[in-house]
Amino acid sequence: MKQDSRALIAELVGTFFFVTLGAGVIVTDYFTGGKTIGLLGIAVCHGLALSLAVTATMRVSGGHLNPAVTVAMWSLGKVNPPTAVAYILMQLIGSVLAAAVLLTIFDRSVWDPVHLGTPGLGAGVHQSMGMWIEIVATFFLLFAIMGTAVYAKSPIQIGGFGVGLTIFADILVVGPLTGASMNPARSFGPALMSGFMRDHWIYWVGPIIGALIAANVYYRFIADPDER
């Protein structure tokens, strides 16, 4: 199988893995009445799921699993435009497939109140604030990706776990405010399959802006000149 095909499959399956567990834990939390999982459990599940998915796909596709990451890597010349488009398409398909699987696992009475795990703005969080929060949270995520994956020089490689730990911390802080998506694909599949598209644009614009800023700041001011 050609390398390009392997990379595309890795992006699809890796995103499917992450979204199934990430959205699924929110539905399960509702199913259990929020008594056994809670915010900490949701953050842990997202962090572990992304850590494993990124680590499993990093050597094949770079472990993007996130359109915002792909756009940021394209802005640095790490991927060419056709590859970036193909990656994003595979990520979105993986997300939709994940949401479809969750529909077969949970009854509508369970997933509908939480919109199949779709991130949304918390009470009192207006759109501009929600977008700002997603920008900042994604900035932290991409900063971690740049330092632990793209420009990692440490003799001890932690794979995707540095990325997962950032997701874990971000969710603990801003999860109740915006759902802490930081990933258009994480939002897209559950939103599409549940029919809950309210404020969906925020979960594209915010993460992409945050990712572009972080990637270019790291590239221009922190990465070694010989690595650029």
C-alpha atoms as a PDB file:
ATOM      1  CA  MET A   1       0.000   0.000   0.000  1.00  0.00           C
ATOM      2  CA  LYS A   2       1.337   3.440  -0.908  1.00  0.00           C
ATOM      3  CA  GLN A   3       2.523   5.734   1.877  1.00  0.00           C
ATOM      4  CA  ASP A   4      -0.124   8.347   1.004  1.00  0.00           C
ATOM      5  CA  SER A   5      -2.909   5.774   1.331  1.00  0.00           C
ATOM      6  CA  ARG A   6      -1.547   4.554   4.649  1.00  0.00           C
ATOM      7  CA  ALA A   7      -1.410   8.112   5.965  1.00  0.00           C
ATOM      8  CA  LEU A   8      -4.983   8.846   4.934  1.00  0.00           C
ATOM      9  CA  ILE A   9      -6.258   5.660   6.556  1.00  0.00           C
ATOM     10  CA  ALA A  10      -4.284   6.516   9.704  1.00  0.00           C
ATOM     11  CA  GLU A  11      -5.922   9.949   9.890  1.00  0.00           C
ATOM     12  CA  LEU A  12      -9.396   8.462   9.415  1.00  0.00           C
ATOM     13  CA  VAL A  13      -8.973   5.664  11.953  1.00  0.00           C
ATOM     14  CA  GLY A  14      -7.122   7.821  14.471  1.00  0.00           C
ATOM     15  CA  THR A  15      -9.830  10.482  14.396  1.00  0.00           C
ATOM     16  CA  PHE A  16     -12.509   7.794  14.617  1.00  0.00           C
ATOM     17  CA  PHE A  17     -10.748   6.388  17.699  1.00  0.00           C
ATOM     18  CA  PHE A  18     -10.508   9.781  19.392  1.00  0.00           C
ATOM     19  CA  VAL A  19     -14.014  11.055  18.630  1.00  0.00           C
ATOM     20  CA  THR A  20     -15.728   7.793  19.553  1.00  0.00           C
ATOM     21  CA  LEU A  21     -14.161   7.844  23.009  1.00  0.00           C
ATOM     22  CA  GLY A  22     -14.232  11.613  23.478  1.00  0.00           C
ATOM     23  CA  ALA A  23     -17.869  12.104  22.534  1.00  0.00           C
ATOM     24  CA  GLY A  24     -18.823   8.736  23.977  1.00  0.00           C
ATOM     25  CA  VAL A  25     -17.601   9.547  27.479  1.00  0.00           C
ATOM     26  CA  ILE A  26     -19.861  12.607  27.584  1.00  0.00           C
ATOM     27  CA  VAL A  27     -22.894  10.506  26.648  1.00  0.00           C
ATOM     28  CA  THR A  28     -21.921   7.875  29.202  1.00  0.00           C
ATOM     29  CA  ASP A  29     -21.528  10.572  31.832  1.00  0.00           C
ATOM     30  CA  TYR A  30     -25.113  11.633  31.192  1.00  0.00           C
ATOM     31  CA  PHE A  31     -26.257   7.986  31.189  1.00  0.00           C
ATOM     32  CA  THR A  32     -24.802   7.521  34.676  1.00  0.00           C
ATOM     33  CA  GLY A  33     -26.332  10.738  35.955  1.00  0.00           C
ATOM     34  CA  GLY A  34     -22.972  12.526  36.115  1.00  0.00           C
ATOM     35  CA  LYS A  35     -22.109  10.690  39.323  1.00  0.00           C
ATOM     36  CA  THR A  36     -19.322   8.351  38.250  1.00  0.00           C
ATOM     37  CA  ILE A  37     -17.368  10.224  35.562  1.00  0.00           C
ATOM     38  CA  GLY A  38     -17.697  13.990  35.889  1.00  0.00           C
ATOM     39  CA  LEU A  39     -15.420  16.664  34.456  1.00  0.00           C
ATOM     40  CA  LEU A  40     -12.253  14.959  35.689  1.00  0.00           C
ATOM     41  CA  GLY A  41     -13.207  11.657  34.069  1.00  0.00           C
ATOM     42  CA  ILE A  42     -14.138  13.375  30.808  1.00  0.00           C
ATOM     43  CA  ALA A  43     -10.784  15.179  30.766  1.00  0.00           C
ATOM     44  CA  VAL A  44      -8.886  11.958  31.517  1.00  0.00           C
ATOM     45  CA  CYS A  45     -10.713  10.035  28.783  1.00  0.00           C
ATOM     46  CA  HIS A  46     -10.074  12.708  26.161  1.00  0.00           C
ATOM     47  CA  GLY A  47      -6.431  13.003  27.171  1.00  0.00           C
ATOM     48  CA  LEU A  48      -5.771   9.272  27.099  1.00  0.00           C
ATOM     49  CA  ALA A  49      -7.707   8.734  23.875  1.00  0.00           C
ATOM     50  CA  LEU A  50      -5.816  11.450  22.034  1.00  0.00           C
ATOM     51  CA  SER A  51      -2.481  10.350  23.485  1.00  0.00           C
ATOM     52  CA  LEU A  52      -2.965   6.826  22.198  1.00  0.00           C
ATOM     53  CA  ALA A  53      -4.428   7.849  18.838  1.00  0.00           C
ATOM     54  CA  VAL A  54      -1.619  10.326  18.116  1.00  0.00           C
ATOM     55  CA  THR A  55       1.082   7.902  19.232  1.00  0.00           C
ATOM     56  CA  ALA A  56      -0.405   5.141  17.073  1.00  0.00           C
ATOM     57  CA  THR A  57      -0.525   7.287  13.925  1.00  0.00           C
ATOM     58  CA  MET A  58       2.423   9.658  14.386  1.00  0.00           C
ATOM     59  CA  ARG A  59       4.951   7.638  12.371  1.00  0.00           C
ATOM     60  CA  VAL A  60       2.548   7.147   9.468  1.00  0.00           C
ATOM     61  CA  SER A  61       0.705  10.451   9.035  1.00  0.00           C
ATOM     62  CA  GLY A  62       2.168  12.724  11.693  1.00  0.00           C
ATOM     63  CA  GLY A  63      -0.849  12.074  13.914  1.00  0.00           C
ATOM     64  CA  HIS A  64      -2.715  15.271  13.059  1.00  0.00           C
ATOM     65  CA  LEU A  65      -6.266  13.981  13.703  1.00  0.00           C
ATOM     66  CA  ASN A  66      -7.407  17.606  13.747  1.00  0.00           C
ATOM     67  CA  PRO A  67      -8.089  20.015  10.847  1.00  0.00           C
ATOM     68  CA  ALA A  68      -6.612  22.886  12.873  1.00  0.00           C
ATOM     69  CA  VAL A  69      -3.339  20.973  13.231  1.00  0.00           C
ATOM     70  CA  THR A  70      -3.310  20.180   9.530  1.00  0.00           C
ATOM     71  CA  VAL A  71      -3.906  23.825   8.578  1.00  0.00           C
ATOM     72  CA  ALA A  72      -1.093  24.882  10.921  1.00  0.00           C
ATOM     73  CA  MET A  73       1.310  22.325   9.432  1.00  0.00           C
ATOM     74  CA  TRP A  74       0.359  23.476   5.939  1.00  0.00           C
ATOM     75  CA  SER A  75       1.133  27.083   6.920  1.00  0.00           C
ATOM     76  CA  LEU A  76       4.657  25.964   7.861  1.00  0.00           C
ATOM     77  CA  GLY A  77       5.140  23.958   4.676  1.00  0.00           C
ATOM     78  CA  LYS A  78       5.086  20.642   6.534  1.00  0.00           C
ATOM     79  CA  VAL A  79       2.330  19.299   4.268  1.00  0.00           C
ATOM     80  CA  ASN A  80       1.364  20.355   0.750  1.00  0.00           C
ATOM     81  CA  PRO A  81      -2.146  21.677  -0.063  1.00  0.00           C
ATOM     82  CA  PRO A  82      -3.508  18.453  -1.670  1.00  0.00           C
ATOM     83  CA  THR A  83      -2.335  16.402   1.307  1.00  0.00           C
ATOM     84  CA  ALA A  84      -3.812  18.911   3.751  1.00  0.00           C
ATOM     85  CA  VAL A  85      -7.199  18.766   2.023  1.00  0.00           C
ATOM     86  CA  ALA A  86      -7.126  14.967   1.947  1.00  0.00           C
ATOM     87  CA  TYR A  87      -6.163  14.782   5.620  1.00  0.00           C
ATOM     88  CA  ILE A  88      -9.008  17.082   6.640  1.00  0.00           C
ATOM     89  CA  LEU A  89     -11.497  15.097   4.579  1.00  0.00           C
ATOM     90  CA  MET A  90     -10.382  11.843   6.236  1.00  0.00           C
ATOM     91  CA  GLN A  91     -10.574  13.439   9.684  1.00  0.00           C
ATOM     92  CA  LEU A  92     -14.136  14.577   9.069  1.00  0.00           C
ATOM     93  CA  ILE A  93     -15.164  11.175   7.728  1.00  0.00           C
ATOM     94  CA  GLY A  94     -13.629   9.518  10.785  1.00  0.00           C
ATOM     95  CA  SER A  95     -15.574  11.867  13.032  1.00  0.00           C
ATOM     96  CA  VAL A  96     -18.878  11.181  11.278  1.00  0.00           C
ATOM     97  CA  LEU A  97     -18.279   7.434  11.473  1.00  0.00           C
ATOM     98  CA  ALA A  98     -17.555   7.761  15.188  1.00  0.00           C
ATOM     99  CA  ALA A  99     -20.802   9.631  15.758  1.00  0.00           C
ATOM    100  CA  ALA A 100     -22.682   7.035  13.711  1.00  0.00           C
ATOM    101  CA  VAL A 101     -21.286   4.245  15.891  1.00  0.00           C
ATOM    102  CA  LEU A 102     -22.365   6.089  19.037  1.00  0.00           C
ATOM    103  CA  LEU A 103     -25.892   6.276  17.625  1.00  0.00           C
ATOM    104  CA  THR A 104     -25.942   2.479  17.480  1.00  0.00           C
ATOM    105  CA  ILE A 105     -24.728   2.168  21.090  1.00  0.00           C
ATOM    106  CA  PHE A 106     -26.874   4.697  22.933  1.00  0.00           C
ATOM    107  CA  ASP A 107     -30.620   5.263  22.906  1.00  0.00           C
ATOM    108  CA  ARG A 108     -31.785   8.668  21.699  1.00  0.00           C
ATOM    109  CA  SER A 109     -33.081   9.476  25.173  1.00  0.00           C
ATOM    110  CA  VAL A 110     -29.478   9.249  26.381  1.00  0.00           C
ATOM    111  CA  TRP A 111     -27.552  11.020  23.629  1.00  0.00           C
ATOM    112  CA  ASP A 112     -30.067  13.695  22.660  1.00  0.00           C
ATOM    113  CA  PRO A 113     -29.822  15.788  25.878  1.00  0.00           C
ATOM    114  CA  VAL A 114     -26.041  16.110  25.393  1.00  0.00           C
ATOM    115  CA  HIS A 115     -26.262  16.297  21.583  1.00  0.00           C
ATOM    116  CA  LEU A 116     -24.183  13.151  21.159  1.00  0.00           C
ATOM    117  CA  GLY A 117     -21.275  14.761  22.979  1.00  0.00           C
ATOM    118  CA  THR A 118     -21.146  17.858  20.780  1.00  0.00           C
ATOM    119  CA  PRO A 119     -19.211  20.726  22.406  1.00  0.00           C
ATOM    120  CA  GLY A 120     -21.322  23.807  23.096  1.00  0.00           C
ATOM    121  CA  LEU A 121     -21.136  27.145  24.848  1.00  0.00           C
ATOM    122  CA  GLY A 122     -21.859  27.153  28.557  1.00  0.00           C
ATOM    123  CA  ALA A 123     -24.479  29.331  30.231  1.00  0.00           C
ATOM    124  CA  GLY A 124     -23.521  32.985  30.007  1.00  0.00           C
ATOM    125  CA  VAL A 125     -20.695  32.410  27.494  1.00  0.00           C
ATOM    126  CA  HIS A 126     -21.329  34.583  24.441  1.00  0.00           C
ATOM    127  CA  GLN A 127     -19.987  33.788  20.988  1.00  0.00           C
ATOM    128  CA  SER A 128     -17.013  36.153  20.967  1.00  0.00           C
ATOM    129  CA  MET A 129     -15.885  34.899  24.375  1.00  0.00           C
ATOM    130  CA  GLY A 130     -16.356  31.295  23.287  1.00  0.00           C
ATOM    131  CA  MET A 131     -14.226  31.860  20.202  1.00  0.00           C
ATOM    132  CA  TRP A 132     -11.522  33.558  22.283  1.00  0.00           C
ATOM    133  CA  ILE A 133     -11.472  30.626  24.704  1.00  0.00           C
ATOM    134  CA  GLU A 134     -11.106  28.145  21.831  1.00  0.00           C
ATOM    135  CA  ILE A 135      -8.289  30.252  20.371  1.00  0.00           C
ATOM    136  CA  VAL A 136      -6.368  30.254  23.658  1.00  0.00           C
ATOM    137  CA  ALA A 137      -6.979  26.558  24.414  1.00  0.00           C
ATOM    138  CA  THR A 138      -5.894  25.551  20.916  1.00  0.00           C
ATOM    139  CA  PHE A 139      -2.835  27.793  21.171  1.00  0.00           C
ATOM    140  CA  PHE A 140      -1.720  25.731  24.172  1.00  0.00           C
ATOM    141  CA  LEU A 141      -2.453  22.494  22.308  1.00  0.00           C
ATOM    142  CA  LEU A 142      -0.433  23.463  19.235  1.00  0.00           C
ATOM    143  CA  PHE A 143       2.401  24.825  21.353  1.00  0.00           C
ATOM    144  CA  ALA A 144       2.634  21.397  22.990  1.00  0.00           C
ATOM    145  CA  ILE A 145       2.478  19.645  19.630  1.00  0.00           C
ATOM    146  CA  MET A 146       5.280  21.776  18.235  1.00  0.00           C
ATOM    147  CA  GLY A 147       7.522  21.108  21.224  1.00  0.00           C
ATOM    148  CA  THR A 148       6.801  17.433  21.812  1.00  0.00           C
ATOM    149  CA  ALA A 149       6.165  16.132  18.302  1.00  0.00           C
ATOM    150  CA  VAL A 150       7.227  18.462  15.492  1.00  0.00           C
ATOM    151  CA  TYR A 151      10.477  19.769  16.990  1.00  0.00           C
ATOM    152  CA  ALA A 152      11.132  17.197  19.692  1.00  0.00           C
ATOM    153  CA  LYS A 153      14.835  16.821  20.516  1.00  0.00           C
ATOM    154  CA  SER A 154      14.596  15.243  23.940  1.00  0.00           C
ATOM    155  CA  PRO A 155      16.285  11.834  24.238  1.00  0.00           C
ATOM    156  CA  ILE A 156      13.124  10.656  25.991  1.00  0.00           C
ATOM    157  CA  GLN A 157      10.312  10.805  23.443  1.00  0.00           C
ATOM    158  CA  ILE A 158       6.838  10.911  24.966  1.00  0.00           C
ATOM    159  CA  GLY A 159       4.964  10.492  21.697  1.00  0.00           C
ATOM    160  CA  GLY A 160       1.426  11.766  21.816  1.00  0.00           C
ATOM    161  CA  PHE A 161       1.231  11.877  25.596  1.00  0.00           C
ATOM    162  CA  GLY A 162       2.414  15.467  25.775  1.00  0.00           C
ATOM    163  CA  VAL A 163      -0.438  16.336  23.420  1.00  0.00           C
ATOM    164  CA  GLY A 164      -2.950  14.338  25.454  1.00  0.00           C
ATOM    165  CA  LEU A 165      -1.862  15.974  28.698  1.00  0.00           C
ATOM    166  CA  THR A 166      -2.560  19.394  27.185  1.00  0.00           C
ATOM    167  CA  ILE A 167      -6.051  18.294  26.171  1.00  0.00           C
ATOM    168  CA  PHE A 168      -6.571  16.996  29.714  1.00  0.00           C
ATOM    169  CA  ALA A 169      -5.556  20.318  31.287  1.00  0.00           C
ATOM    170  CA  ASP A 170      -7.517  22.424  28.799  1.00  0.00           C
ATOM    171  CA  ILE A 171     -10.724  20.477  29.436  1.00  0.00           C
ATOM    172  CA  LEU A 172     -10.389  20.863  33.190  1.00  0.00           C
ATOM    173  CA  VAL A 173     -10.167  24.643  32.822  1.00  0.00           C
ATOM    174  CA  VAL A 174     -12.495  25.527  29.935  1.00  0.00           C
ATOM    175  CA  GLY A 175     -14.547  22.380  29.390  1.00  0.00           C
ATOM    176  CA  PRO A 176     -17.593  23.820  31.184  1.00  0.00           C
ATOM    177  CA  LEU A 177     -17.287  27.042  29.164  1.00  0.00           C
ATOM    178  CA  THR A 178     -17.025  25.821  25.566  1.00  0.00           C
ATOM    179  CA  GLY A 179     -16.628  22.069  25.727  1.00  0.00           C
ATOM    180  CA  ALA A 180     -12.908  22.596  25.026  1.00  0.00           C
ATOM    181  CA  SER A 181     -13.078  21.201  21.509  1.00  0.00           C
ATOM    182  CA  MET A 182      -9.815  22.594  20.050  1.00  0.00           C
ATOM    183  CA  ASN A 183     -10.545  20.390  17.066  1.00  0.00           C
ATOM    184  CA  PRO A 184     -13.118  20.994  14.301  1.00  0.00           C
ATOM    185  CA  ALA A 185     -13.323  17.252  13.636  1.00  0.00           C
ATOM    186  CA  ARG A 186     -14.103  16.530  17.290  1.00  0.00           C
ATOM    187  CA  SER A 187     -17.120  18.828  16.970  1.00  0.00           C
ATOM    188  CA  PHE A 188     -18.193  18.080  13.396  1.00  0.00           C
ATOM    189  CA  GLY A 189     -19.307  14.451  13.471  1.00  0.00           C
ATOM    190  CA  PRO A 190     -21.384  14.607  16.663  1.00  0.00           C
ATOM    191  CA  ALA A 191     -22.872  17.964  15.609  1.00  0.00           C
ATOM    192  CA  LEU A 192     -23.855  16.668  12.184  1.00  0.00           C
ATOM    193  CA  MET A 193     -25.306  13.371  13.372  1.00  0.00           C
ATOM    194  CA  SER A 194     -27.193  14.908  16.306  1.00  0.00           C
ATOM    195  CA  GLY A 195     -28.429  17.901  14.311  1.00  0.00           C
ATOM    196  CA  PHE A 196     -26.990  20.317  16.882  1.00  0.00           C
ATOM    197  CA  MET A 197     -25.103  22.890  14.794  1.00  0.00           C
ATOM    198  CA  ARG A 198     -25.573  25.899  17.085  1.00  0.00           C
ATOM    199  CA  ASP A 199     -22.452  28.107  17.168  1.00  0.00           C
ATOM    200  CA  HIS A 200     -20.645  25.423  15.156  1.00  0.00           C
ATOM    201  CA  TRP A 201     -18.577  28.009  13.291  1.00  0.00           C
ATOM    202  CA  ILE A 202     -16.811  28.879  16.543  1.00  0.00           C
ATOM    203  CA  TYR A 203     -15.350  25.367  16.668  1.00  0.00           C
ATOM    204  CA  TRP A 204     -13.749  25.893  13.279  1.00  0.00           C
ATOM    205  CA  VAL A 205     -12.640  29.511  13.428  1.00  0.00           C
ATOM    206  CA  GLY A 206     -11.330  29.503  17.009  1.00  0.00           C
ATOM    207  CA  PRO A 207      -9.149  26.368  16.776  1.00  0.00           C
ATOM    208  CA  ILE A 208      -7.740  27.276  13.366  1.00  0.00           C
ATOM    209  CA  ILE A 209      -6.754  30.783  14.503  1.00  0.00           C
ATOM    210  CA  GLY A 210      -5.214  29.461  17.722  1.00  0.00           C
ATOM    211  CA  ALA A 211      -3.340  26.746  15.857  1.00  0.00           C
ATOM    212  CA  LEU A 212      -1.935  29.127  13.252  1.00  0.00           C
ATOM    213  CA  ILE A 213      -0.718  31.571  15.892  1.00  0.00           C
ATOM    214  CA  ALA A 214       0.931  28.912  18.063  1.00  0.00           C
ATOM    215  CA  ALA A 215       2.593  27.052  15.201  1.00  0.00           C
ATOM    216  CA  ASN A 216       4.051  30.206  13.678  1.00  0.00           C
ATOM    217  CA  VAL A 217       5.174  31.643  17.029  1.00  0.00           C
ATOM    218  CA  TYR A 218       7.007  28.416  17.829  1.00  0.00           C
ATOM    219  CA  TYR A 219       8.459  28.130  14.344  1.00  0.00           C
ATOM    220  CA  ARG A 220       9.715  31.717  14.154  1.00  0.00           C
ATOM    221  CA  PHE A 221      10.853  32.382  17.698  1.00  0.00           C
ATOM    222  CA  ILE A 222      11.559  29.076  19.466  1.00  0.00           C
ATOM    223  CA  ALA A 223      12.560  26.371  16.976  1.00  0.00           C
ATOM    224  CA  ASP A 224      16.250  26.098  16.143  1.00  0.00           C
ATOM    225  CA  PRO A 225      17.080  27.950  12.904  1.00  0.00           C
ATOM    226  CA  ASP A 226      18.476  24.787  11.314  1.00  0.00           C
ATOM    227  CA  GLU A 227      15.127  23.029  11.843  1.00  0.00           C
ATOM    228  CA  ARG A 228      13.017  25.550   9.954  1.00  0.00           C
END
